Amino acid sequence: MPYNIYQDDKLIAEKVEDKSYKVTGLKPDTTYTFGVSEVIGTKESSKATVTVKTKAIRVESIEMTPKNMNAVAGTSGSRSLR
Protein backbone atom coordinates (compact mmCIF):
# COMPACT_ATOMS: atom_id res chain seq x y z
CA MET A 1 0.00 0.00 0.00
CA PRO A 2 1.28 3.50 -0.75
CA TYR A 3 2.17 6.08 1.88
CA ASN A 4 2.23 9.88 2.04
CA ILE A 5 5.16 11.46 3.87
CA TYR A 6 5.05 14.83 5.62
CA GLN A 7 7.74 17.11 7.01
CA ASP A 8 6.44 19.70 9.48
CA ASP A 9 2.88 19.16 8.15
CA LYS A 10 3.96 19.75 4.53
CA LEU A 11 3.49 16.87 2.07
CA ILE A 12 6.97 16.01 0.74
CA ALA A 13 6.28 12.66 -0.95
CA GLU A 14 3.04 11.23 -2.30
CA LYS A 15 2.01 7.59 -2.74
CA VAL A 16 5.44 6.15 -1.85
CA GLU A 17 5.52 2.38 -2.36
CA ASP A 18 8.87 1.71 -0.66
CA LYS A 19 9.10 0.90 3.04
CA SER A 20 11.88 3.49 3.48
CA TYR A 21 12.33 7.09 2.40
CA LYS A 22 15.41 9.30 2.64
CA VAL A 23 14.93 12.95 3.55
CA THR A 24 17.75 15.25 2.46
CA GLY A 25 18.55 18.92 2.96
CA LEU A 26 18.11 18.92 6.73
CA LYS A 27 19.80 21.73 8.66
CA PRO A 28 21.99 21.17 11.72
CA ASP A 29 20.62 21.73 15.23
CA THR A 30 17.03 21.89 13.94
CA THR A 31 13.87 20.12 15.14
CA TYR A 32 11.64 18.45 12.54
CA THR A 33 8.37 16.55 12.78
CA PHE A 34 7.80 13.80 10.22
CA GLY A 35 4.51 12.08 9.54
CA VAL A 36 3.49 9.03 7.53
CA SER A 37 -0.04 8.13 6.47
CA GLU A 38 -1.39 5.20 4.50
CA VAL A 39 -3.24 5.90 1.26
CA ILE A 40 -6.21 3.61 0.64
CA GLY A 41 -7.91 4.44 -2.65
CA THR A 42 -8.96 8.08 -2.35
CA LYS A 43 -8.75 8.09 1.46
CA GLU A 44 -5.80 8.73 3.75
CA SER A 45 -5.28 7.40 7.27
CA SER A 46 -4.31 9.63 10.16
CA LYS A 47 -0.59 10.35 10.39
CA ALA A 48 1.85 8.55 12.61
CA THR A 49 4.42 11.18 13.63
CA VAL A 50 7.89 11.39 15.10
CA THR A 51 9.83 14.48 16.15
CA VAL A 52 13.61 14.52 15.75
CA LYS A 53 16.40 17.04 16.27
CA THR A 54 19.47 17.00 14.04
CA LYS A 55 22.92 17.24 15.57
CA ALA A 56 24.93 20.44 15.43
CA ILE A 57 27.79 20.47 12.93
CA ARG A 58 31.02 19.32 14.49
CA VAL A 59 33.86 21.78 13.90
CA GLU A 60 37.09 19.96 13.01
CA SER A 61 39.39 22.98 12.85
CA ILE A 62 39.44 26.74 12.88
CA GLU A 63 41.89 28.82 10.87
CA MET A 64 42.31 32.40 12.04
CA THR A 65 43.84 35.27 10.10
CA PRO A 66 43.69 39.01 10.77
CA LYS A 67 40.97 39.46 8.10
CA ASN A 68 38.68 36.49 8.71
CA MET A 69 38.14 33.17 10.42
CA ASN A 70 37.36 29.92 8.60
CA ALA A 71 35.99 26.76 10.19
CA VAL A 72 35.94 23.41 8.45
CA ALA A 73 32.84 21.64 9.68
CA GLY A 74 32.17 17.91 9.36
CA THR A 75 31.51 16.72 5.84
CA SER A 76 29.71 19.94 4.99
CA GLY A 77 32.89 21.67 3.87
CA SER A 78 34.15 25.08 4.86
CA ARG A 79 32.11 27.61 6.81
CA SER A 80 33.21 31.24 6.89
CA LEU A 81 32.93 33.07 10.19
CA ARG A 82 33.27 36.87 10.06
C-alpha atoms as a PDB file:
ATOM      1  CA  MET A   1       0.000   0.000   0.000  1.00  0.00           C
ATOM      2  CA  PRO A   2       1.279   3.503  -0.751  1.00  0.00           C
ATOM      3  CA  TYR A   3       2.172   6.082   1.885  1.00  0.00           C
ATOM      4  CA  ASN A   4       2.233   9.878   2.040  1.00  0.00           C
ATOM      5  CA  ILE A   5       5.162  11.455   3.867  1.00  0.00           C
ATOM      6  CA  TYR A   6       5.051  14.827   5.620  1.00  0.00           C
ATOM      7  CA  GLN A   7       7.737  17.112   7.007  1.00  0.00           C
ATOM      8  CA  ASP A   8       6.436  19.699   9.485  1.00  0.00           C
ATOM      9  CA  ASP A   9       2.878  19.162   8.148  1.00  0.00           C
ATOM     10  CA  LYS A  10       3.961  19.745   4.531  1.00  0.00           C
ATOM     11  CA  LEU A  11       3.488  16.874   2.074  1.00  0.00           C
ATOM     12  CA  ILE A  12       6.965  16.014   0.739  1.00  0.00           C
ATOM     13  CA  ALA A  13       6.276  12.661  -0.953  1.00  0.00           C
ATOM     14  CA  GLU A  14       3.040  11.229  -2.296  1.00  0.00           C
ATOM     15  CA  LYS A  15       2.013   7.586  -2.736  1.00  0.00           C
ATOM     16  CA  VAL A  16       5.435   6.153  -1.853  1.00  0.00           C
ATOM     17  CA  GLU A  17       5.519   2.379  -2.355  1.00  0.00           C
ATOM     18  CA  ASP A  18       8.873   1.708  -0.661  1.00  0.00           C
ATOM     19  CA  LYS A  19       9.103   0.904   3.044  1.00  0.00           C
ATOM     20  CA  SER A  20      11.875   3.489   3.483  1.00  0.00           C
ATOM     21  CA  TYR A  21      12.328   7.091   2.396  1.00  0.00           C
ATOM     22  CA  LYS A  22      15.409   9.299   2.636  1.00  0.00           C
ATOM     23  CA  VAL A  23      14.929  12.954   3.549  1.00  0.00           C
ATOM     24  CA  THR A  24      17.747  15.249   2.464  1.00  0.00           C
ATOM     25  CA  GLY A  25      18.550  18.925   2.964  1.00  0.00           C
ATOM     26  CA  LEU A  26      18.114  18.920   6.728  1.00  0.00           C
ATOM     27  CA  LYS A  27      19.797  21.728   8.660  1.00  0.00           C
ATOM     28  CA  PRO A  28      21.988  21.169  11.722  1.00  0.00           C
ATOM     29  CA  ASP A  29      20.623  21.726  15.228  1.00  0.00           C
ATOM     30  CA  THR A  30      17.032  21.888  13.939  1.00  0.00           C
ATOM     31  CA  THR A  31      13.870  20.116  15.137  1.00  0.00           C
ATOM     32  CA  TYR A  32      11.640  18.455  12.542  1.00  0.00           C
ATOM     33  CA  THR A  33       8.365  16.555  12.778  1.00  0.00           C
ATOM     34  CA  PHE A  34       7.797  13.797  10.218  1.00  0.00           C
ATOM     35  CA  GLY A  35       4.513  12.080   9.536  1.00  0.00           C
ATOM     36  CA  VAL A  36       3.488   9.027   7.532  1.00  0.00           C
ATOM     37  CA  SER A  37      -0.036   8.133   6.466  1.00  0.00           C
ATOM     38  CA  GLU A  38      -1.386   5.201   4.497  1.00  0.00           C
ATOM     39  CA  VAL A  39      -3.238   5.896   1.265  1.00  0.00           C
ATOM     40  CA  ILE A  40      -6.211   3.611   0.640  1.00  0.00           C
ATOM     41  CA  GLY A  41      -7.909   4.444  -2.646  1.00  0.00           C
ATOM     42  CA  THR A  42      -8.958   8.078  -2.355  1.00  0.00           C
ATOM     43  CA  LYS A  43      -8.746   8.093   1.460  1.00  0.00           C
ATOM     44  CA  GLU A  44      -5.802   8.733   3.746  1.00  0.00           C
ATOM     45  CA  SER A  45      -5.279   7.397   7.270  1.00  0.00           C
ATOM     46  CA  SER A  46      -4.312   9.627  10.157  1.00  0.00           C
ATOM     47  CA  LYS A  47      -0.586  10.347  10.387  1.00  0.00           C
ATOM     48  CA  ALA A  48       1.849   8.547  12.614  1.00  0.00           C
ATOM     49  CA  THR A  49       4.417  11.176  13.632  1.00  0.00           C
ATOM     50  CA  VAL A  50       7.888  11.387  15.102  1.00  0.00           C
ATOM     51  CA  THR A  51       9.833  14.480  16.148  1.00  0.00           C
ATOM     52  CA  VAL A  52      13.613  14.517  15.748  1.00  0.00           C
ATOM     53  CA  LYS A  53      16.400  17.040  16.267  1.00  0.00           C
ATOM     54  CA  THR A  54      19.473  17.002  14.036  1.00  0.00           C
ATOM     55  CA  LYS A  55      22.918  17.242  15.570  1.00  0.00           C
ATOM     56  CA  ALA A  56      24.935  20.440  15.431  1.00  0.00           C
ATOM     57  CA  ILE A  57      27.788  20.473  12.930  1.00  0.00           C
ATOM     58  CA  ARG A  58      31.022  19.324  14.487  1.00  0.00           C
ATOM     59  CA  VAL A  59      33.857  21.776  13.900  1.00  0.00           C
ATOM     60  CA  GLU A  60      37.085  19.961  13.010  1.00  0.00           C
ATOM     61  CA  SER A  61      39.391  22.979  12.853  1.00  0.00           C
ATOM     62  CA  ILE A  62      39.439  26.741  12.876  1.00  0.00           C
ATOM     63  CA  GLU A  63      41.891  28.820  10.868  1.00  0.00           C
ATOM     64  CA  MET A  64      42.309  32.400  12.037  1.00  0.00           C
ATOM     65  CA  THR A  65      43.837  35.274  10.098  1.00  0.00           C
ATOM     66  CA  PRO A  66      43.688  39.014  10.773  1.00  0.00           C
ATOM     67  CA  LYS A  67      40.973  39.462   8.104  1.00  0.00           C
ATOM     68  CA  ASN A  68      38.682  36.486   8.714  1.00  0.00           C
ATOM     69  CA  MET A  69      38.136  33.167  10.415  1.00  0.00           C
ATOM     70  CA  ASN A  70      37.357  29.920   8.600  1.00  0.00           C
ATOM     71  CA  ALA A  71      35.987  26.763  10.188  1.00  0.00           C
ATOM     72  CA  VAL A  72      35.937  23.406   8.450  1.00  0.00           C
ATOM     73  CA  ALA A  73      32.844  21.641   9.685  1.00  0.00           C
ATOM     74  CA  GLY A  74      32.172  17.907   9.365  1.00  0.00           C
ATOM     75  CA  THR A  75      31.508  16.715   5.844  1.00  0.00           C
ATOM     76  CA  SER A  76      29.706  19.944   4.993  1.00  0.00           C
ATOM     77  CA  GLY A  77      32.885  21.675   3.867  1.00  0.00           C
ATOM     78  CA  SER A  78      34.145  25.081   4.864  1.00  0.00           C
ATOM     79  CA  ARG A  79      32.114  27.606   6.811  1.00  0.00           C
ATOM     80  CA  SER A  80      33.213  31.237   6.893  1.00  0.00           C
ATOM     81  CA  LEU A  81      32.935  33.067  10.193  1.00  0.00           C
ATOM     82  CA  ARG A  82      33.273  36.868  10.060  1.00  0.00           C
END
